[in-house]
């Protein structure tokens, strides 16, 4: 085990919020992870789990032990039942970079997660938020999740149904929050062409760049990357956590009333009598795109992204976020919720 004391996590979260961990460990095997958790239990240290740091809001200090699983292996298994080789299962360690996995599987001609390219963070963090983009969610391809109990070190598997996936939600934010660590994913991919291009300007981008009627998964992934780079700031250049607010779900009746007032409002009908609205559009309509509030502000090209110019902390960020949410609520009667996970000491 390699537990380090007094570790600065300011560069371990893409918002670059100042944070000092009392102790830090990055175990590379299940055995090392189990031993690390056992010591934390023995010493009665509170445990905080950290992935790629792209979707968390860290406090200035974290007592106890911060654990970042560094299980970085992944492999493919092809189902050859009946001579068919269309279905491929990706077994992925929690420490693998999500974007690297997307590009590697897309380059191998595998369909399923190509629309989720350039989403930052680790694979172990992906099920927590049920990451999604361009009409696709992780839940669409996830077959199973391996977890380890923090208190006992026991390993078990959960299927997709047991994960209770919802819009940017899962059991890992609810009943299992703080009690398990995700160690491995199994994704069901396919060699059968299945492009999903009905969201945003993805189809138009591919049509202008491809001579073939059916794009490859790599072409889709590269198109998604190009679009995201045009709209979203690089966290290595300007600190941010990507989309800061969830796209709100409202009742169909409320959506109809808003559409009567704002016919151009983007809206996406969902199941269960709800409609998803575009949080970025709502913020933009309040005239907040490009605003700056001390160390934080709204990105000049994408109103859904809050950026950190430096010198701020979580308290200042939440002040800015609450102001934005209040403006949207006042004008539209719609409440915005932050997407990143609030990590408490």
C-alpha atoms as a PDB file:
ATOM      1  CA  UNK A   1       0.000   0.000   0.000  1.00  0.00           C
ATOM      2  CA  UNK A   2       1.156   3.518  -0.760  1.00  0.00           C
ATOM      3  CA  UNK A   3      -0.751   6.072   1.299  1.00  0.00           C
ATOM      4  CA  UNK A   4       0.595   9.605   0.962  1.00  0.00           C
ATOM      5  CA  UNK A   5      -0.047  12.367   3.494  1.00  0.00           C
ATOM      6  CA  UNK A   6      -1.078  15.968   2.796  1.00  0.00           C
ATOM      7  CA  UNK A   7      -1.754  15.820  -0.947  1.00  0.00           C
ATOM      8  CA  UNK A   8      -2.829  18.864  -2.945  1.00  0.00           C
ATOM      9  CA  UNK A   9      -5.819  17.914  -5.117  1.00  0.00           C
ATOM     10  CA  UNK A  10      -6.162  21.280  -6.845  1.00  0.00           C
ATOM     11  CA  UNK A  11      -4.983  19.736 -10.114  1.00  0.00           C
ATOM     12  CA  UNK A  12      -6.922  16.506  -9.522  1.00  0.00           C
ATOM     13  CA  UNK A  13     -10.241  18.196 -10.344  1.00  0.00           C
ATOM     14  CA  UNK A  14     -10.918  19.911 -13.653  1.00  0.00           C
ATOM     15  CA  UNK A  15     -12.449  22.980 -11.983  1.00  0.00           C
ATOM     16  CA  UNK A  16      -9.093  23.490 -10.204  1.00  0.00           C
ATOM     17  CA  UNK A  17     -10.841  24.135  -6.894  1.00  0.00           C
ATOM     18  CA  UNK A  18      -8.321  24.252  -4.032  1.00  0.00           C
ATOM     19  CA  UNK A  19      -8.418  21.064  -1.972  1.00  0.00           C
ATOM     20  CA  UNK A  20      -5.995  19.435   0.449  1.00  0.00           C
ATOM     21  CA  UNK A  21      -6.370  15.716   1.194  1.00  0.00           C
ATOM     22  CA  UNK A  22      -5.185  14.505   4.578  1.00  0.00           C
ATOM     23  CA  UNK A  23      -4.224  11.175   2.962  1.00  0.00           C
ATOM     24  CA  UNK A  24      -4.305   9.853  -0.598  1.00  0.00           C
ATOM     25  CA  UNK A  25      -3.967   6.431  -2.247  1.00  0.00           C
ATOM     26  CA  UNK A  26      -4.255   5.178  -5.831  1.00  0.00           C
ATOM     27  CA  UNK A  27      -4.362   1.344  -5.649  1.00  0.00           C
ATOM     28  CA  UNK A  28      -3.689  -0.479  -8.909  1.00  0.00           C
ATOM     29  CA  UNK A  29      -5.160  -3.914  -8.064  1.00  0.00           C
ATOM     30  CA  UNK A  30      -8.217  -5.266  -6.259  1.00  0.00           C
ATOM     31  CA  UNK A  31      -5.933  -6.673  -3.566  1.00  0.00           C
ATOM     32  CA  UNK A  32      -4.265  -3.314  -2.996  1.00  0.00           C
ATOM     33  CA  UNK A  33      -7.643  -1.600  -2.955  1.00  0.00           C
ATOM     34  CA  UNK A  34      -8.994  -4.070  -0.401  1.00  0.00           C
ATOM     35  CA  UNK A  35      -5.924  -3.607   1.818  1.00  0.00           C
ATOM     36  CA  UNK A  36      -6.204   0.179   1.564  1.00  0.00           C
ATOM     37  CA  UNK A  37      -9.868   0.138   2.561  1.00  0.00           C
ATOM     38  CA  UNK A  38      -9.147  -2.290   5.403  1.00  0.00           C
ATOM     39  CA  UNK A  39      -6.545   0.075   6.846  1.00  0.00           C
ATOM     40  CA  UNK A  40      -8.947   2.999   6.545  1.00  0.00           C
ATOM     41  CA  UNK A  41     -11.565   0.975   8.417  1.00  0.00           C
ATOM     42  CA  UNK A  42      -9.069  -0.045  11.091  1.00  0.00           C
ATOM     43  CA  UNK A  43      -7.896   3.535  11.592  1.00  0.00           C
ATOM     44  CA  UNK A  44     -11.488   4.830  11.370  1.00  0.00           C
ATOM     45  CA  UNK A  45     -10.594   7.212   8.547  1.00  0.00           C
ATOM     46  CA  UNK A  46     -13.493   8.550   6.505  1.00  0.00           C
ATOM     47  CA  UNK A  47     -13.052   7.504   2.863  1.00  0.00           C
ATOM     48  CA  UNK A  48     -13.675   9.776  -0.133  1.00  0.00           C
ATOM     49  CA  UNK A  49     -13.681   8.241  -3.616  1.00  0.00           C
ATOM     50  CA  UNK A  50     -12.259  10.271  -6.503  1.00  0.00           C
ATOM     51  CA  UNK A  51     -12.199   9.409 -10.194  1.00  0.00           C
ATOM     52  CA  UNK A  52     -10.935  11.686 -12.936  1.00  0.00           C
ATOM     53  CA  UNK A  53     -12.116  14.759 -11.043  1.00  0.00           C
ATOM     54  CA  UNK A  54     -14.160  16.043 -13.979  1.00  0.00           C
ATOM     55  CA  UNK A  55     -17.548  16.024 -12.314  1.00  0.00           C
ATOM     56  CA  UNK A  56     -16.943  16.848  -8.655  1.00  0.00           C
ATOM     57  CA  UNK A  57     -16.987  19.958  -6.497  1.00  0.00           C
ATOM     58  CA  UNK A  58     -14.257  19.556  -3.881  1.00  0.00           C
ATOM     59  CA  UNK A  59     -14.065  21.348  -0.507  1.00  0.00           C
ATOM     60  CA  UNK A  60     -10.895  23.060   0.673  1.00  0.00           C
ATOM     61  CA  UNK A  61      -9.958  20.150   2.962  1.00  0.00           C
ATOM     62  CA  UNK A  62     -10.739  16.428   2.921  1.00  0.00           C
ATOM     63  CA  UNK A  63      -9.962  14.565   6.152  1.00  0.00           C
ATOM     64  CA  UNK A  64      -9.338  10.838   6.297  1.00  0.00           C
ATOM     65  CA  UNK A  65      -8.366   9.055   3.092  1.00  0.00           C
ATOM     66  CA  UNK A  66      -9.018   9.937  -0.547  1.00  0.00           C
ATOM     67  CA  UNK A  67      -8.946   6.853  -2.791  1.00  0.00           C
ATOM     68  CA  UNK A  68      -8.534   7.097  -6.559  1.00  0.00           C
ATOM     69  CA  UNK A  69      -8.752   3.574  -8.072  1.00  0.00           C
ATOM     70  CA  UNK A  70      -6.034   3.107 -10.692  1.00  0.00           C
ATOM     71  CA  UNK A  71      -7.295  -0.165 -12.196  1.00  0.00           C
ATOM     72  CA  UNK A  72      -6.147   0.611 -15.722  1.00  0.00           C
ATOM     73  CA  UNK A  73      -6.598  -2.627 -17.695  1.00  0.00           C
ATOM     74  CA  UNK A  74      -9.321  -3.405 -20.216  1.00  0.00           C
ATOM     75  CA  UNK A  75      -9.983  -6.218 -22.685  1.00  0.00           C
ATOM     76  CA  UNK A  76     -12.532  -7.414 -25.230  1.00  0.00           C
ATOM     77  CA  UNK A  77     -14.460 -10.670 -25.316  1.00  0.00           C
ATOM     78  CA  UNK A  78     -16.343 -11.683 -28.471  1.00  0.00           C
ATOM     79  CA  UNK A  79     -19.523 -13.738 -28.227  1.00  0.00           C
ATOM     80  CA  UNK A  80     -19.133 -16.440 -30.894  1.00  0.00           C
ATOM     81  CA  UNK A  81     -22.267 -18.353 -29.979  1.00  0.00           C
ATOM     82  CA  UNK A  82     -23.772 -19.885 -33.093  1.00  0.00           C
ATOM     83  CA  UNK A  83     -20.899 -18.634 -35.226  1.00  0.00           C
ATOM     84  CA  UNK A  84     -21.973 -14.995 -34.779  1.00  0.00           C
ATOM     85  CA  UNK A  85     -19.353 -12.388 -33.958  1.00  0.00           C
ATOM     86  CA  UNK A  86     -21.553  -9.331 -33.867  1.00  0.00           C
ATOM     87  CA  UNK A  87     -21.625  -8.830 -30.082  1.00  0.00           C
ATOM     88  CA  UNK A  88     -18.497  -7.811 -28.200  1.00  0.00           C
ATOM     89  CA  UNK A  89     -18.124  -7.297 -24.460  1.00  0.00           C
ATOM     90  CA  UNK A  90     -15.653  -4.737 -23.142  1.00  0.00           C
ATOM     91  CA  UNK A  91     -14.347  -5.427 -19.622  1.00  0.00           C
ATOM     92  CA  UNK A  92     -12.963  -2.144 -18.341  1.00  0.00           C
ATOM     93  CA  UNK A  93     -11.067  -1.238 -15.167  1.00  0.00           C
ATOM     94  CA  UNK A  94     -12.315   1.759 -13.206  1.00  0.00           C
ATOM     95  CA  UNK A  95      -9.136   3.750 -13.770  1.00  0.00           C
ATOM     96  CA  UNK A  96      -9.258   3.648 -17.582  1.00  0.00           C
ATOM     97  CA  UNK A  97      -9.800   7.011 -19.279  1.00  0.00           C
ATOM     98  CA  UNK A  98     -13.343   7.083 -20.639  1.00  0.00           C
ATOM     99  CA  UNK A  99     -12.455   9.035 -23.789  1.00  0.00           C
ATOM    100  CA  UNK A 100      -9.492   6.765 -24.518  1.00  0.00           C
ATOM    101  CA  UNK A 101     -11.809   3.753 -24.282  1.00  0.00           C
ATOM    102  CA  UNK A 102     -14.355   5.325 -26.645  1.00  0.00           C
ATOM    103  CA  UNK A 103     -11.745   6.097 -29.284  1.00  0.00           C
ATOM    104  CA  UNK A 104     -10.059   2.675 -28.954  1.00  0.00           C
ATOM    105  CA  UNK A 105     -13.316   0.738 -29.370  1.00  0.00           C
ATOM    106  CA  UNK A 106     -14.514   3.005 -32.185  1.00  0.00           C
ATOM    107  CA  UNK A 107     -11.201   2.473 -34.013  1.00  0.00           C
ATOM    108  CA  UNK A 108     -11.891  -1.267 -33.805  1.00  0.00           C
ATOM    109  CA  UNK A 109     -15.231  -0.777 -35.557  1.00  0.00           C
ATOM    110  CA  UNK A 110     -17.348  -1.333 -32.456  1.00  0.00           C
ATOM    111  CA  UNK A 111     -20.656   0.499 -32.027  1.00  0.00           C
ATOM    112  CA  UNK A 112     -22.292   1.595 -28.806  1.00  0.00           C
ATOM    113  CA  UNK A 113     -20.392   4.405 -27.078  1.00  0.00           C
ATOM    114  CA  UNK A 114     -19.097   6.488 -29.998  1.00  0.00           C
ATOM    115  CA  UNK A 115     -21.520   9.348 -29.201  1.00  0.00           C
ATOM    116  CA  UNK A 116     -19.912   9.650 -25.764  1.00  0.00           C
ATOM    117  CA  UNK A 117     -16.496  10.698 -27.071  1.00  0.00           C
ATOM    118  CA  UNK A 118     -14.514  13.450 -25.325  1.00  0.00           C
ATOM    119  CA  UNK A 119     -16.423  13.151 -22.059  1.00  0.00           C
ATOM    120  CA  UNK A 120     -13.653  13.599 -19.485  1.00  0.00           C
ATOM    121  CA  UNK A 121     -13.102  11.410 -16.459  1.00  0.00           C
ATOM    122  CA  UNK A 122     -12.512   7.774 -15.642  1.00  0.00           C
ATOM    123  CA  UNK A 123     -14.646   4.754 -16.522  1.00  0.00           C
ATOM    124  CA  UNK A 124     -15.308   4.065 -12.850  1.00  0.00           C
ATOM    125  CA  UNK A 125     -17.070   7.412 -12.504  1.00  0.00           C
ATOM    126  CA  UNK A 126     -19.210   6.952 -15.622  1.00  0.00           C
ATOM    127  CA  UNK A 127     -22.007   4.881 -14.003  1.00  0.00           C
ATOM    128  CA  UNK A 128     -22.374   7.273 -11.069  1.00  0.00           C
ATOM    129  CA  UNK A 129     -23.743  10.026 -13.296  1.00  0.00           C
ATOM    130  CA  UNK A 130     -24.982   7.703 -16.045  1.00  0.00           C
ATOM    131  CA  UNK A 131     -23.031   9.904 -18.440  1.00  0.00           C
ATOM    132  CA  UNK A 132     -24.732  10.829 -21.683  1.00  0.00           C
ATOM    133  CA  UNK A 133     -24.425  12.949 -24.819  1.00  0.00           C
ATOM    134  CA  UNK A 134     -25.984  13.233 -28.275  1.00  0.00           C
ATOM    135  CA  UNK A 135     -28.955  11.021 -27.487  1.00  0.00           C
ATOM    136  CA  UNK A 136     -26.957   8.189 -25.889  1.00  0.00           C
ATOM    137  CA  UNK A 137     -26.472   7.249 -22.235  1.00  0.00           C
ATOM    138  CA  UNK A 138     -24.079   4.807 -20.617  1.00  0.00           C
ATOM    139  CA  UNK A 139     -27.128   2.789 -19.506  1.00  0.00           C
ATOM    140  CA  UNK A 140     -27.789   1.960 -23.180  1.00  0.00           C
ATOM    141  CA  UNK A 141     -24.705  -0.260 -23.368  1.00  0.00           C
ATOM    142  CA  UNK A 142     -23.755  -1.119 -19.793  1.00  0.00           C
ATOM    143  CA  UNK A 143     -24.241  -4.781 -18.945  1.00  0.00           C
ATOM    144  CA  UNK A 144     -22.789  -4.988 -15.428  1.00  0.00           C
ATOM    145  CA  UNK A 145     -20.772  -3.119 -12.795  1.00  0.00           C
ATOM    146  CA  UNK A 146     -18.331  -4.699 -10.362  1.00  0.00           C
ATOM    147  CA  UNK A 147     -18.173  -3.015  -6.959  1.00  0.00           C
ATOM    148  CA  UNK A 148     -16.252  -3.488  -3.739  1.00  0.00           C
ATOM    149  CA  UNK A 149     -17.851  -2.759  -0.369  1.00  0.00           C
ATOM    150  CA  UNK A 150     -15.851  -0.177   1.559  1.00  0.00           C
ATOM    151  CA  UNK A 151     -16.567  -1.760   4.935  1.00  0.00           C
ATOM    152  CA  UNK A 152     -15.844  -5.413   4.106  1.00  0.00           C
ATOM    153  CA  UNK A 153     -13.805  -5.512   0.875  1.00  0.00           C
ATOM    154  CA  UNK A 154     -16.376  -7.918  -0.569  1.00  0.00           C
ATOM    155  CA  UNK A 155     -16.715  -7.832  -4.375  1.00  0.00           C
ATOM    156  CA  UNK A 156     -20.027  -8.287  -6.158  1.00  0.00           C
ATOM    157  CA  UNK A 157     -21.613  -7.625  -9.537  1.00  0.00           C
ATOM    158  CA  UNK A 158     -24.667  -5.477 -10.266  1.00  0.00           C
ATOM    159  CA  UNK A 159     -26.582  -5.701 -13.520  1.00  0.00           C
ATOM    160  CA  UNK A 160     -27.883  -2.597 -15.289  1.00  0.00           C
ATOM    161  CA  UNK A 161     -31.327  -2.882 -13.729  1.00  0.00           C
ATOM    162  CA  UNK A 162     -29.848  -3.034 -10.233  1.00  0.00           C
ATOM    163  CA  UNK A 163     -27.943   0.179 -10.971  1.00  0.00           C
ATOM    164  CA  UNK A 164     -31.293   2.047 -11.113  1.00  0.00           C
ATOM    165  CA  UNK A 165     -30.139   4.361 -13.873  1.00  0.00           C
ATOM    166  CA  UNK A 166     -31.973   7.603 -14.508  1.00  0.00           C
ATOM    167  CA  UNK A 167     -31.135  10.914 -16.131  1.00  0.00           C
ATOM    168  CA  UNK A 168     -27.683  11.720 -14.686  1.00  0.00           C
ATOM    169  CA  UNK A 169     -28.574   9.453 -11.801  1.00  0.00           C
ATOM    170  CA  UNK A 170     -27.923   5.961 -10.446  1.00  0.00           C
ATOM    171  CA  UNK A 171     -27.960   3.881  -7.282  1.00  0.00           C
ATOM    172  CA  UNK A 172     -24.382   5.053  -6.716  1.00  0.00           C
ATOM    173  CA  UNK A 173     -25.714   8.535  -5.984  1.00  0.00           C
ATOM    174  CA  UNK A 174     -28.497   7.085  -3.826  1.00  0.00           C
ATOM    175  CA  UNK A 175     -28.679   3.887  -1.786  1.00  0.00           C
ATOM    176  CA  UNK A 176     -25.042   2.871  -2.419  1.00  0.00           C
ATOM    177  CA  UNK A 177     -23.476   6.335  -2.133  1.00  0.00           C
ATOM    178  CA  UNK A 178     -20.413   6.160   0.081  1.00  0.00           C
ATOM    179  CA  UNK A 179     -20.657   2.417   0.669  1.00  0.00           C
ATOM    180  CA  UNK A 180     -19.077   0.893  -2.461  1.00  0.00           C
ATOM    181  CA  UNK A 181     -16.323   1.683  -4.931  1.00  0.00           C
ATOM    182  CA  UNK A 182     -16.770   0.820  -8.611  1.00  0.00           C
ATOM    183  CA  UNK A 183     -13.911  -1.367  -9.832  1.00  0.00           C
ATOM    184  CA  UNK A 184     -14.924  -2.650 -13.289  1.00  0.00           C
ATOM    185  CA  UNK A 185     -17.537  -2.199 -16.027  1.00  0.00           C
ATOM    186  CA  UNK A 186     -18.779  -4.589 -18.674  1.00  0.00           C
ATOM    187  CA  UNK A 187     -20.154  -2.909 -21.790  1.00  0.00           C
ATOM    188  CA  UNK A 188     -22.088  -4.603 -24.578  1.00  0.00           C
ATOM    189  CA  UNK A 189     -20.825  -3.333 -27.948  1.00  0.00           C
ATOM    190  CA  UNK A 190     -21.600  -4.477 -31.485  1.00  0.00           C
ATOM    191  CA  UNK A 191     -20.016  -4.824 -34.896  1.00  0.00           C
ATOM    192  CA  UNK A 192     -23.396  -4.226 -36.537  1.00  0.00           C
ATOM    193  CA  UNK A 193     -23.685  -0.617 -37.792  1.00  0.00           C
ATOM    194  CA  UNK A 194     -26.059   1.321 -35.545  1.00  0.00           C
ATOM    195  CA  UNK A 195     -25.388   5.060 -35.834  1.00  0.00           C
ATOM    196  CA  UNK A 196     -27.516   7.348 -33.649  1.00  0.00           C
ATOM    197  CA  UNK A 197     -27.400  10.721 -35.326  1.00  0.00           C
ATOM    198  CA  UNK A 198     -30.712  12.337 -34.448  1.00  0.00           C
ATOM    199  CA  UNK A 199     -29.430  14.691 -31.768  1.00  0.00           C
ATOM    200  CA  UNK A 200     -28.104  18.177 -32.386  1.00  0.00           C
ATOM    201  CA  UNK A 201     -26.088  18.844 -35.518  1.00  0.00           C
ATOM    202  CA  UNK A 202     -24.301  15.510 -35.535  1.00  0.00           C
ATOM    203  CA  UNK A 203     -25.965  14.191 -38.700  1.00  0.00           C
ATOM    204  CA  UNK A 204     -25.236  17.404 -40.602  1.00  0.00           C
ATOM    205  CA  UNK A 205     -21.593  17.336 -39.529  1.00  0.00           C
ATOM    206  CA  UNK A 206     -21.179  13.760 -40.721  1.00  0.00           C
ATOM    207  CA  UNK A 207     -23.026  14.385 -43.990  1.00  0.00           C
ATOM    208  CA  UNK A 208     -20.636  17.189 -44.859  1.00  0.00           C
ATOM    209  CA  UNK A 209     -17.520  15.197 -44.033  1.00  0.00           C
ATOM    210  CA  UNK A 210     -18.312  11.695 -45.329  1.00  0.00           C
ATOM    211  CA  UNK A 211     -18.706  10.259 -48.798  1.00  0.00           C
ATOM    212  CA  UNK A 212     -20.354   7.057 -47.575  1.00  0.00           C
ATOM    213  CA  UNK A 213     -24.015   6.779 -46.533  1.00  0.00           C
ATOM    214  CA  UNK A 214     -23.197   4.918 -43.302  1.00  0.00           C
ATOM    215  CA  UNK A 215     -20.372   6.398 -41.220  1.00  0.00           C
ATOM    216  CA  UNK A 216     -18.002   4.292 -39.169  1.00  0.00           C
ATOM    217  CA  UNK A 217     -18.105   4.477 -35.357  1.00  0.00           C
ATOM    218  CA  UNK A 218     -14.739   6.240 -35.491  1.00  0.00           C
ATOM    219  CA  UNK A 219     -16.161   8.864 -37.867  1.00  0.00           C
ATOM    220  CA  UNK A 220     -19.040   9.467 -35.462  1.00  0.00           C
ATOM    221  CA  UNK A 221     -16.676   9.742 -32.488  1.00  0.00           C
ATOM    222  CA  UNK A 222     -14.434  12.178 -34.348  1.00  0.00           C
ATOM    223  CA  UNK A 223     -17.445  14.286 -35.368  1.00  0.00           C
ATOM    224  CA  UNK A 224     -18.603  14.397 -31.743  1.00  0.00           C
ATOM    225  CA  UNK A 225     -15.105  15.476 -30.696  1.00  0.00           C
ATOM    226  CA  UNK A 226     -15.059  18.248 -33.279  1.00  0.00           C
ATOM    227  CA  UNK A 227     -18.443  19.585 -32.183  1.00  0.00           C
ATOM    228  CA  UNK A 228     -17.584  19.430 -28.494  1.00  0.00           C
ATOM    229  CA  UNK A 229     -14.256  21.193 -29.031  1.00  0.00           C
ATOM    230  CA  UNK A 230     -16.045  24.010 -30.842  1.00  0.00           C
ATOM    231  CA  UNK A 231     -18.576  24.458 -28.050  1.00  0.00           C
ATOM    232  CA  UNK A 232     -16.751  23.500 -24.856  1.00  0.00           C
ATOM    233  CA  UNK A 233     -13.540  24.910 -23.371  1.00  0.00           C
ATOM    234  CA  UNK A 234     -10.602  22.590 -22.805  1.00  0.00           C
ATOM    235  CA  UNK A 235     -10.283  22.116 -19.007  1.00  0.00           C
ATOM    236  CA  UNK A 236      -6.503  22.004 -19.448  1.00  0.00           C
ATOM    237  CA  UNK A 237      -6.684  25.602 -20.714  1.00  0.00           C
ATOM    238  CA  UNK A 238      -9.672  27.037 -18.819  1.00  0.00           C
ATOM    239  CA  UNK A 239     -10.799  25.210 -15.692  1.00  0.00           C
ATOM    240  CA  UNK A 240     -14.333  23.811 -15.929  1.00  0.00           C
ATOM    241  CA  UNK A 241     -16.380  20.691 -15.246  1.00  0.00           C
ATOM    242  CA  UNK A 242     -18.200  20.557 -18.568  1.00  0.00           C
ATOM    243  CA  UNK A 243     -21.965  20.932 -18.315  1.00  0.00           C
ATOM    244  CA  UNK A 244     -22.558  22.407 -14.873  1.00  0.00           C
ATOM    245  CA  UNK A 245     -26.359  22.135 -14.792  1.00  0.00           C
ATOM    246  CA  UNK A 246     -28.590  19.213 -15.657  1.00  0.00           C
ATOM    247  CA  UNK A 247     -31.037  19.742 -18.482  1.00  0.00           C
ATOM    248  CA  UNK A 248     -34.251  20.125 -16.457  1.00  0.00           C
ATOM    249  CA  UNK A 249     -37.223  17.793 -16.783  1.00  0.00           C
ATOM    250  CA  UNK A 250     -40.617  19.502 -16.551  1.00  0.00           C
ATOM    251  CA  UNK A 251     -44.194  18.325 -16.906  1.00  0.00           C
ATOM    252  CA  UNK A 252     -45.530  18.347 -20.464  1.00  0.00           C
ATOM    253  CA  UNK A 253     -48.129  20.949 -19.461  1.00  0.00           C
ATOM    254  CA  UNK A 254     -45.468  23.362 -18.234  1.00  0.00           C
ATOM    255  CA  UNK A 255     -43.419  22.771 -21.372  1.00  0.00           C
ATOM    256  CA  UNK A 256     -46.478  23.578 -23.505  1.00  0.00           C
ATOM    257  CA  UNK A 257     -47.002  26.849 -21.636  1.00  0.00           C
ATOM    258  CA  UNK A 258     -43.370  27.822 -22.122  1.00  0.00           C
ATOM    259  CA  UNK A 259     -43.491  26.920 -25.818  1.00  0.00           C
ATOM    260  CA  UNK A 260     -46.495  29.204 -26.219  1.00  0.00           C
ATOM    261  CA  UNK A 261     -44.333  32.062 -24.917  1.00  0.00           C
ATOM    262  CA  UNK A 262     -41.062  30.916 -26.504  1.00  0.00           C
ATOM    263  CA  UNK A 263     -41.817  28.950 -29.710  1.00  0.00           C
ATOM    264  CA  UNK A 264     -38.094  28.533 -30.503  1.00  0.00           C
ATOM    265  CA  UNK A 265     -37.321  26.907 -27.154  1.00  0.00           C
ATOM    266  CA  UNK A 266     -35.448  23.588 -27.601  1.00  0.00           C
ATOM    267  CA  UNK A 267     -37.408  20.746 -26.040  1.00  0.00           C
ATOM    268  CA  UNK A 268     -37.205  16.970 -26.049  1.00  0.00           C
ATOM    269  CA  UNK A 269     -40.277  14.890 -25.113  1.00  0.00           C
ATOM    270  CA  UNK A 270     -39.543  12.089 -22.634  1.00  0.00           C
ATOM    271  CA  UNK A 271     -41.447   9.166 -21.227  1.00  0.00           C
ATOM    272  CA  UNK A 272     -43.843   9.581 -18.323  1.00  0.00           C
ATOM    273  CA  UNK A 273     -45.394  12.872 -19.360  1.00  0.00           C
ATOM    274  CA  UNK A 274     -42.200  14.911 -19.079  1.00  0.00           C
ATOM    275  CA  UNK A 275     -40.204  17.128 -21.406  1.00  0.00           C
ATOM    276  CA  UNK A 276     -36.480  17.810 -21.211  1.00  0.00           C
ATOM    277  CA  UNK A 277     -35.433  21.437 -21.692  1.00  0.00           C
ATOM    278  CA  UNK A 278     -32.006  22.780 -22.638  1.00  0.00           C
ATOM    279  CA  UNK A 279     -30.451  24.399 -19.563  1.00  0.00           C
ATOM    280  CA  UNK A 280     -27.918  26.244 -21.704  1.00  0.00           C
ATOM    281  CA  UNK A 281     -30.670  27.882 -23.761  1.00  0.00           C
ATOM    282  CA  UNK A 282     -32.534  28.969 -20.615  1.00  0.00           C
ATOM    283  CA  UNK A 283     -29.364  30.531 -19.176  1.00  0.00           C
ATOM    284  CA  UNK A 284     -28.568  32.222 -22.482  1.00  0.00           C
ATOM    285  CA  UNK A 285     -32.065  33.728 -22.669  1.00  0.00           C
ATOM    286  CA  UNK A 286     -31.419  35.356 -19.285  1.00  0.00           C
ATOM    287  CA  UNK A 287     -28.500  37.208 -20.857  1.00  0.00           C
ATOM    288  CA  UNK A 288     -25.917  35.402 -18.731  1.00  0.00           C
ATOM    289  CA  UNK A 289     -23.647  33.940 -21.397  1.00  0.00           C
ATOM    290  CA  UNK A 290     -20.177  35.396 -20.917  1.00  0.00           C
ATOM    291  CA  UNK A 291     -20.941  36.940 -17.502  1.00  0.00           C
ATOM    292  CA  UNK A 292     -18.186  37.037 -14.879  1.00  0.00           C
ATOM    293  CA  UNK A 293     -18.630  36.969 -11.134  1.00  0.00           C
ATOM    294  CA  UNK A 294     -15.227  37.307  -9.508  1.00  0.00           C
ATOM    295  CA  UNK A 295     -13.196  34.137 -10.024  1.00  0.00           C
ATOM    296  CA  UNK A 296     -16.036  32.373 -11.873  1.00  0.00           C
ATOM    297  CA  UNK A 297     -18.221  32.977 -14.870  1.00  0.00           C
ATOM    298  CA  UNK A 298     -20.334  31.576 -17.695  1.00  0.00           C
ATOM    299  CA  UNK A 299     -18.405  30.515 -20.770  1.00  0.00           C
ATOM    300  CA  UNK A 300     -18.727  32.966 -23.630  1.00  0.00           C
ATOM    301  CA  UNK A 301     -19.632  30.278 -26.194  1.00  0.00           C
ATOM    302  CA  UNK A 302     -21.585  27.782 -24.072  1.00  0.00           C
ATOM    303  CA  UNK A 303     -23.918  29.026 -21.338  1.00  0.00           C
ATOM    304  CA  UNK A 304     -24.126  25.578 -19.750  1.00  0.00           C
ATOM    305  CA  UNK A 305     -20.463  25.677 -18.739  1.00  0.00           C
ATOM    306  CA  UNK A 306     -19.184  27.524 -15.680  1.00  0.00           C
ATOM    307  CA  UNK A 307     -15.483  28.357 -15.774  1.00  0.00           C
ATOM    308  CA  UNK A 308     -12.924  29.125 -13.089  1.00  0.00           C
ATOM    309  CA  UNK A 309     -10.498  31.922 -13.928  1.00  0.00           C
ATOM    310  CA  UNK A 310      -8.372  31.186 -10.864  1.00  0.00           C
ATOM    311  CA  UNK A 311      -8.219  32.194  -7.221  1.00  0.00           C
ATOM    312  CA  UNK A 312     -11.703  30.992  -6.296  1.00  0.00           C
ATOM    313  CA  UNK A 313     -13.076  28.265  -4.056  1.00  0.00           C
ATOM    314  CA  UNK A 314     -16.198  26.108  -3.886  1.00  0.00           C
ATOM    315  CA  UNK A 315     -18.124  28.655  -1.853  1.00  0.00           C
ATOM    316  CA  UNK A 316     -17.575  31.279  -4.552  1.00  0.00           C
ATOM    317  CA  UNK A 317     -18.531  28.836  -7.294  1.00  0.00           C
ATOM    318  CA  UNK A 318     -21.805  27.936  -5.608  1.00  0.00           C
ATOM    319  CA  UNK A 319     -22.606  31.628  -5.125  1.00  0.00           C
ATOM    320  CA  UNK A 320     -22.312  32.124  -8.885  1.00  0.00           C
ATOM    321  CA  UNK A 321     -24.267  28.944  -9.642  1.00  0.00           C
ATOM    322  CA  UNK A 322     -27.079  29.887  -7.269  1.00  0.00           C
ATOM    323  CA  UNK A 323     -27.369  33.324  -8.874  1.00  0.00           C
ATOM    324  CA  UNK A 324     -27.707  31.761 -12.329  1.00  0.00           C
ATOM    325  CA  UNK A 325     -30.295  29.252 -11.125  1.00  0.00           C
ATOM    326  CA  UNK A 326     -32.302  32.035  -9.464  1.00  0.00           C
ATOM    327  CA  UNK A 327     -32.380  34.065 -12.680  1.00  0.00           C
ATOM    328  CA  UNK A 328     -33.685  31.095 -14.669  1.00  0.00           C
ATOM    329  CA  UNK A 329     -36.275  30.287 -12.013  1.00  0.00           C
ATOM    330  CA  UNK A 330     -37.521  33.885 -11.954  1.00  0.00           C
ATOM    331  CA  UNK A 331     -37.937  34.096 -15.719  1.00  0.00           C
ATOM    332  CA  UNK A 332     -39.075  30.580 -16.638  1.00  0.00           C
ATOM    333  CA  UNK A 333     -40.271  29.008 -13.398  1.00  0.00           C
ATOM    334  CA  UNK A 334     -37.763  26.189 -13.973  1.00  0.00           C
ATOM    335  CA  UNK A 335     -35.306  25.040 -11.310  1.00  0.00           C
ATOM    336  CA  UNK A 336     -31.793  24.114 -12.372  1.00  0.00           C
ATOM    337  CA  UNK A 337     -29.770  21.518 -10.494  1.00  0.00           C
ATOM    338  CA  UNK A 338     -25.956  21.203 -10.596  1.00  0.00           C
ATOM    339  CA  UNK A 339     -24.672  18.147 -12.418  1.00  0.00           C
ATOM    340  CA  UNK A 340     -21.286  17.745 -10.653  1.00  0.00           C
ATOM    341  CA  UNK A 341     -21.228  15.790  -7.393  1.00  0.00           C
ATOM    342  CA  UNK A 342     -20.774  17.826  -4.212  1.00  0.00           C
ATOM    343  CA  UNK A 343     -18.051  16.140  -2.145  1.00  0.00           C
ATOM    344  CA  UNK A 344     -18.333  16.923   1.546  1.00  0.00           C
ATOM    345  CA  UNK A 345     -15.562  16.608   4.126  1.00  0.00           C
END
